[in-house]
Amino acid sequence: MRSIWTGAIGFGLVNIPIKLFSAVESSTLDLDMLDKKDHSNIKFKRVNEHTGKEVPWNNIVRAYNLDGKYIVLSDADFKEAMPEKTKTIGIESFVDESEIDPIYFETSYYIEPEKQGKRAYVLLNRALIKSKKAGLGSFVLRNKEHLCLIKASANILVLHRLRFQEEIKDPKDLDISASSPKPAELKMALSLIDQLTEPFNIKKYKDTYNSKLMKLIKARATGKKTIPHPLKVVHSSKMDLMDQLKESLSNKKKKVS
């Protein structure tokens, strides 16, 4: 794996030199865009809007449109904005992970210590496990400040990038108005939840869409014709909510037996 960020974790007066590695990768198939006429590959170019000529990467700068005037920013400007955060992940507090709504979690990174920081790394890992806490802090990645949660996972530390509050949309415009459920309906729903409850095992779940898409691609490559399968929407024969719950419980019992 190739590191995407190098710096240090600031833990009180303890400084832990580290590297970050992406902990996730997309399972989506890498599809190219082609011209429908002759299947030529589609290429995108960075073109100057006035000259129409392609601009090489080393001639491209970033700028902000301030009242119709572009203010060009350099790499030094980005570092100057937050010099203390460009190379440091500062742990500002410790929290119970259960207090953080999953909607705030964005992506995860593995943390690897540099040679000189291994003892402090292990110390922080053990302390987080024993205290059952996670470190909340912030850092700068790709010229953007990110909120983060550092959590112990077995013998390694994992950094979870979090969204800021202002990045979460307000659901106030959603129409969820409805009458309160009847006690019998709630009891039946709880019974259904209890019946379907089992230990979480991520290995049970596979990306079936992409595997089936690859199967189709290989079939097309050999000249085989594929048979389209229309979407089957299963509707309950019962329209009453209570009847639907009873039917759900009955179907589950039949599957188990």
Protein backbone atom coordinates (compact mmCIF):
# COMPACT_ATOMS: atom_id res chain seq x y z
CA MET A 1 0.00 0.00 0.00
CA ARG A 2 1.10 3.56 -0.68
CA SER A 3 0.69 6.15 2.05
CA ILE A 4 -1.55 9.12 1.27
CA TRP A 5 -0.46 11.35 4.15
CA THR A 6 2.53 11.62 6.49
CA GLY A 7 2.68 13.62 9.69
CA ALA A 8 2.13 13.07 13.39
CA ILE A 9 -0.57 12.51 15.98
CA GLY A 10 -0.50 15.07 18.78
CA PHE A 11 -1.52 13.30 22.01
CA GLY A 12 -1.02 15.79 24.84
CA LEU A 13 2.72 16.46 24.77
CA VAL A 14 3.32 13.12 23.05
CA ASN A 15 4.11 13.31 19.34
CA ILE A 16 3.65 10.14 17.26
CA PRO A 17 5.09 10.25 13.71
CA ILE A 18 2.72 8.30 11.44
CA LYS A 19 1.59 7.49 7.90
CA LEU A 20 -1.99 7.16 6.70
CA PHE A 21 -3.12 4.44 4.29
CA SER A 22 -6.54 4.13 2.72
CA ALA A 23 -8.46 1.35 4.48
CA VAL A 24 -11.12 0.97 1.80
CA GLU A 25 -11.28 0.48 -1.95
CA SER A 26 -14.15 0.61 -4.39
CA SER A 27 -15.62 -2.66 -5.65
CA THR A 28 -17.15 -0.89 -8.64
CA LEU A 29 -15.98 -2.18 -12.02
CA ASP A 30 -13.63 0.18 -13.87
CA LEU A 31 -15.64 1.00 -16.99
CA ASP A 32 -14.38 3.16 -19.86
CA MET A 33 -16.47 5.56 -21.91
CA LEU A 34 -16.46 4.92 -25.66
CA ASP A 35 -17.88 6.58 -28.75
CA LYS A 36 -21.03 4.64 -29.67
CA LYS A 37 -20.15 4.85 -33.39
CA ASP A 38 -16.70 3.20 -33.48
CA HIS A 39 -15.96 2.36 -29.79
CA SER A 40 -13.06 4.83 -29.68
CA ASN A 41 -12.01 5.78 -26.14
CA ILE A 42 -13.32 9.13 -24.90
CA LYS A 43 -10.57 11.45 -23.65
CA PHE A 44 -10.99 14.52 -21.47
CA LYS A 45 -8.74 17.53 -21.87
CA ARG A 46 -8.06 20.60 -19.73
CA VAL A 47 -8.73 23.33 -22.27
CA ASN A 48 -8.22 27.09 -22.05
CA GLU A 49 -11.67 28.63 -22.63
CA HIS A 50 -10.22 31.49 -24.70
CA THR A 51 -7.52 29.79 -26.83
CA GLY A 52 -9.09 26.33 -27.02
CA LYS A 53 -5.65 24.83 -26.41
CA GLU A 54 -4.93 22.07 -23.87
CA VAL A 55 -3.22 23.25 -20.66
CA PRO A 56 -0.58 21.00 -19.00
CA TRP A 57 -0.99 20.26 -15.27
CA ASN A 58 2.09 22.30 -14.27
CA ASN A 59 0.47 25.42 -15.78
CA ILE A 60 -2.78 25.06 -13.81
CA VAL A 61 -3.32 27.07 -10.63
CA ARG A 62 -6.25 27.21 -8.19
CA ALA A 63 -8.19 30.38 -7.57
CA TYR A 64 -11.28 31.72 -5.82
CA ASN A 65 -13.79 33.93 -7.60
CA LEU A 66 -14.20 36.90 -5.27
CA ASP A 67 -16.78 39.37 -6.56
CA GLY A 68 -15.97 38.54 -10.17
CA LYS A 69 -12.19 38.65 -9.70
CA TYR A 70 -10.04 35.53 -9.43
CA ILE A 71 -7.63 35.40 -6.48
CA VAL A 72 -4.92 32.86 -7.31
CA LEU A 73 -3.69 30.68 -4.42
CA SER A 74 -0.38 28.85 -4.17
CA ASP A 75 0.53 25.74 -2.16
CA ALA A 76 2.24 28.05 0.31
CA ASP A 77 -1.03 29.95 0.81
CA PHE A 78 -2.86 26.76 1.76
CA LYS A 79 -0.15 25.87 4.28
CA GLU A 80 -0.12 29.40 5.66
CA ALA A 81 -3.87 29.25 6.34
CA MET A 82 -3.37 26.43 8.87
CA PRO A 83 0.36 25.73 9.31
CA GLU A 84 -0.16 23.82 12.58
CA LYS A 85 -2.67 21.40 11.01
CA THR A 86 -1.01 20.56 7.71
CA LYS A 87 1.26 17.95 9.33
CA THR A 88 -0.41 17.22 12.65
CA ILE A 89 -3.54 15.34 13.70
CA GLY A 90 -4.32 17.01 17.00
CA ILE A 91 -6.43 14.96 19.42
CA GLU A 92 -8.56 17.60 21.12
CA SER A 93 -10.76 15.34 23.28
CA PHE A 94 -11.77 11.75 23.94
CA VAL A 95 -15.33 10.53 23.42
CA ASP A 96 -17.49 7.43 23.48
CA GLU A 97 -17.84 6.29 19.88
CA SER A 98 -21.47 5.35 20.56
CA GLU A 99 -22.21 9.09 20.97
CA ILE A 100 -21.41 9.77 17.30
CA ASP A 101 -24.25 9.29 14.81
CA PRO A 102 -23.13 7.05 11.88
CA ILE A 103 -24.24 9.79 9.44
CA TYR A 104 -21.05 11.68 10.33
CA PHE A 105 -18.69 8.86 9.26
CA GLU A 106 -17.18 9.44 5.82
CA THR A 107 -14.20 7.12 5.15
CA SER A 108 -11.45 5.27 7.03
CA TYR A 109 -7.65 5.09 7.02
CA TYR A 110 -5.14 2.74 8.63
CA ILE A 111 -2.51 4.45 10.77
CA GLU A 112 1.05 3.11 10.68
CA PRO A 113 3.70 4.46 13.07
CA GLU A 114 7.13 5.54 11.93
CA LYS A 115 9.97 3.60 13.58
CA GLN A 116 10.60 6.27 16.23
CA GLY A 117 6.92 6.43 17.16
CA LYS A 118 6.10 2.74 17.65
CA ARG A 119 6.19 2.70 21.47
CA ALA A 120 3.93 5.75 21.75
CA TYR A 121 1.64 4.25 19.08
CA VAL A 122 1.20 1.02 21.06
CA LEU A 123 0.66 3.04 24.24
CA LEU A 124 -2.17 5.06 22.65
CA ASN A 125 -3.70 1.90 21.20
CA ARG A 126 -3.74 0.13 24.58
CA ALA A 127 -5.02 3.22 26.40
CA LEU A 128 -7.95 3.60 23.98
CA ILE A 129 -8.86 -0.08 24.35
CA LYS A 130 -8.70 0.02 28.15
CA SER A 131 -10.64 3.30 28.43
CA LYS A 132 -13.12 2.30 25.68
CA LYS A 133 -12.71 5.77 24.21
CA ALA A 134 -11.78 7.25 20.83
CA GLY A 135 -9.75 10.38 20.09
CA LEU A 136 -11.53 13.27 18.38
CA GLY A 137 -9.42 15.73 16.44
CA SER A 138 -8.80 17.40 13.09
CA PHE A 139 -6.21 17.57 10.32
CA VAL A 140 -5.71 18.88 6.78
CA LEU A 141 -5.81 16.50 3.81
CA ARG A 142 -5.70 17.72 0.20
CA ASN A 143 -6.07 21.36 1.27
CA LYS A 144 -9.24 20.71 3.26
CA GLU A 145 -9.68 20.50 7.01
CA HIS A 146 -11.29 17.30 8.23
CA LEU A 147 -12.75 16.24 11.54
CA CYS A 148 -11.56 12.77 12.54
CA LEU A 149 -11.95 10.01 15.08
CA ILE A 150 -8.97 7.83 16.04
CA LYS A 151 -10.09 4.44 17.25
CA ALA A 152 -8.23 1.31 18.39
CA SER A 153 -9.07 -1.76 16.30
CA ALA A 154 -7.28 -4.86 17.63
CA ASN A 155 -3.57 -3.96 17.56
CA ILE A 156 -3.79 -1.04 15.12
CA LEU A 157 -5.15 2.49 15.14
CA VAL A 158 -7.76 3.48 12.56
CA LEU A 159 -8.62 7.05 11.60
CA HIS A 160 -12.25 7.62 10.63
CA ARG A 161 -12.82 10.86 8.72
CA LEU A 162 -15.98 12.60 9.90
CA ARG A 163 -18.29 15.12 8.31
CA PHE A 164 -18.80 18.51 9.95
CA GLN A 165 -22.27 19.46 11.17
CA GLU A 166 -22.69 21.98 8.33
CA GLU A 167 -22.21 19.17 5.79
CA ILE A 168 -25.31 17.33 7.01
CA LYS A 169 -28.55 18.38 5.32
CA ASP A 170 -31.47 19.36 7.51
CA PRO A 171 -34.30 16.80 7.11
CA LYS A 172 -36.96 19.35 8.12
CA ASP A 173 -38.47 19.38 4.61
CA LEU A 174 -39.20 15.65 4.65
CA ASP A 175 -42.84 14.72 5.13
CA ILE A 176 -42.92 11.93 7.73
CA SER A 177 -46.19 12.87 9.37
CA ALA A 178 -48.28 9.85 10.34
CA SER A 179 -50.46 8.66 13.17
CA SER A 180 -48.80 6.81 16.05
CA PRO A 181 -48.71 3.02 15.70
CA LYS A 182 -51.20 0.94 17.63
CA PRO A 183 -49.77 -0.94 20.64
CA ALA A 184 -50.50 -4.29 18.95
CA GLU A 185 -48.69 -3.18 15.77
CA LEU A 186 -45.65 -2.05 17.73
CA LYS A 187 -45.58 -5.34 19.65
CA MET A 188 -45.76 -7.30 16.39
CA ALA A 189 -42.99 -5.18 14.81
CA LEU A 190 -40.77 -5.82 17.83
CA SER A 191 -41.46 -9.55 17.48
CA LEU A 192 -40.41 -9.41 13.83
CA ILE A 193 -37.22 -7.53 14.72
CA ASP A 194 -36.46 -10.07 17.43
CA GLN A 195 -37.04 -12.94 15.01
CA LEU A 196 -34.68 -11.43 12.42
CA THR A 197 -31.96 -10.47 14.91
CA GLU A 198 -28.59 -12.22 14.54
CA PRO A 199 -24.90 -11.46 15.20
CA PHE A 200 -23.40 -9.05 12.68
CA ASN A 201 -21.17 -10.85 10.17
CA ILE A 202 -19.98 -8.68 7.27
CA LYS A 203 -18.59 -11.77 5.45
CA LYS A 204 -22.14 -12.84 4.68
CA TYR A 205 -22.66 -9.85 2.39
CA LYS A 206 -21.14 -9.65 -1.10
CA ASP A 207 -21.29 -7.08 -3.89
CA THR A 208 -23.60 -9.25 -6.01
CA TYR A 209 -24.38 -6.48 -8.51
CA ASN A 210 -20.81 -6.18 -9.77
CA SER A 211 -20.21 -9.95 -9.79
CA LYS A 212 -23.33 -10.44 -11.92
CA LEU A 213 -22.30 -7.56 -14.18
CA MET A 214 -18.88 -9.20 -14.70
CA LYS A 215 -20.60 -12.50 -15.49
CA LEU A 216 -22.66 -10.69 -18.14
CA ILE A 217 -19.51 -9.03 -19.56
CA LYS A 218 -17.75 -12.41 -19.90
CA ALA A 219 -20.83 -13.89 -21.55
CA ARG A 220 -20.90 -11.02 -24.05
CA ALA A 221 -17.18 -11.55 -24.74
CA THR A 222 -17.87 -15.13 -25.85
CA GLY A 223 -20.79 -14.09 -28.02
CA LYS A 224 -23.47 -15.52 -25.76
CA LYS A 225 -26.84 -13.80 -25.64
CA THR A 226 -28.11 -12.83 -22.22
CA ILE A 227 -31.72 -13.17 -21.19
CA PRO A 228 -33.10 -10.05 -19.49
CA HIS A 229 -34.74 -10.66 -16.13
CA PRO A 230 -37.58 -8.22 -15.44
CA LEU A 231 -37.80 -6.69 -12.00
CA LYS A 232 -40.10 -8.65 -9.72
CA VAL A 233 -41.78 -6.46 -7.14
CA VAL A 234 -43.36 -8.56 -4.42
CA HIS A 235 -46.49 -7.05 -2.98
CA SER A 236 -48.21 -8.40 0.09
CA SER A 237 -51.72 -9.68 -0.51
CA LYS A 238 -52.66 -7.98 2.77
CA MET A 239 -53.12 -4.24 2.75
CA ASP A 240 -53.65 -3.85 6.48
CA LEU A 241 -50.43 -3.08 8.38
CA MET A 242 -51.20 -5.60 11.12
CA ASP A 243 -51.91 -8.32 8.55
CA GLN A 244 -48.63 -7.54 6.77
CA LEU A 245 -46.71 -7.93 10.05
CA LYS A 246 -48.43 -11.24 10.77
CA GLU A 247 -47.67 -12.49 7.25
CA SER A 248 -44.01 -11.45 7.64
CA LEU A 249 -43.69 -13.41 10.89
CA SER A 250 -45.41 -16.40 9.31
CA ASN A 251 -43.10 -16.36 6.26
CA LYS A 252 -40.00 -16.23 8.48
CA LYS A 253 -41.21 -19.23 10.49
CA LYS A 254 -41.80 -21.21 7.29
CA LYS A 255 -38.26 -20.46 6.06
CA VAL A 256 -36.76 -21.55 9.37
CA SER A 257 -38.69 -24.83 9.37
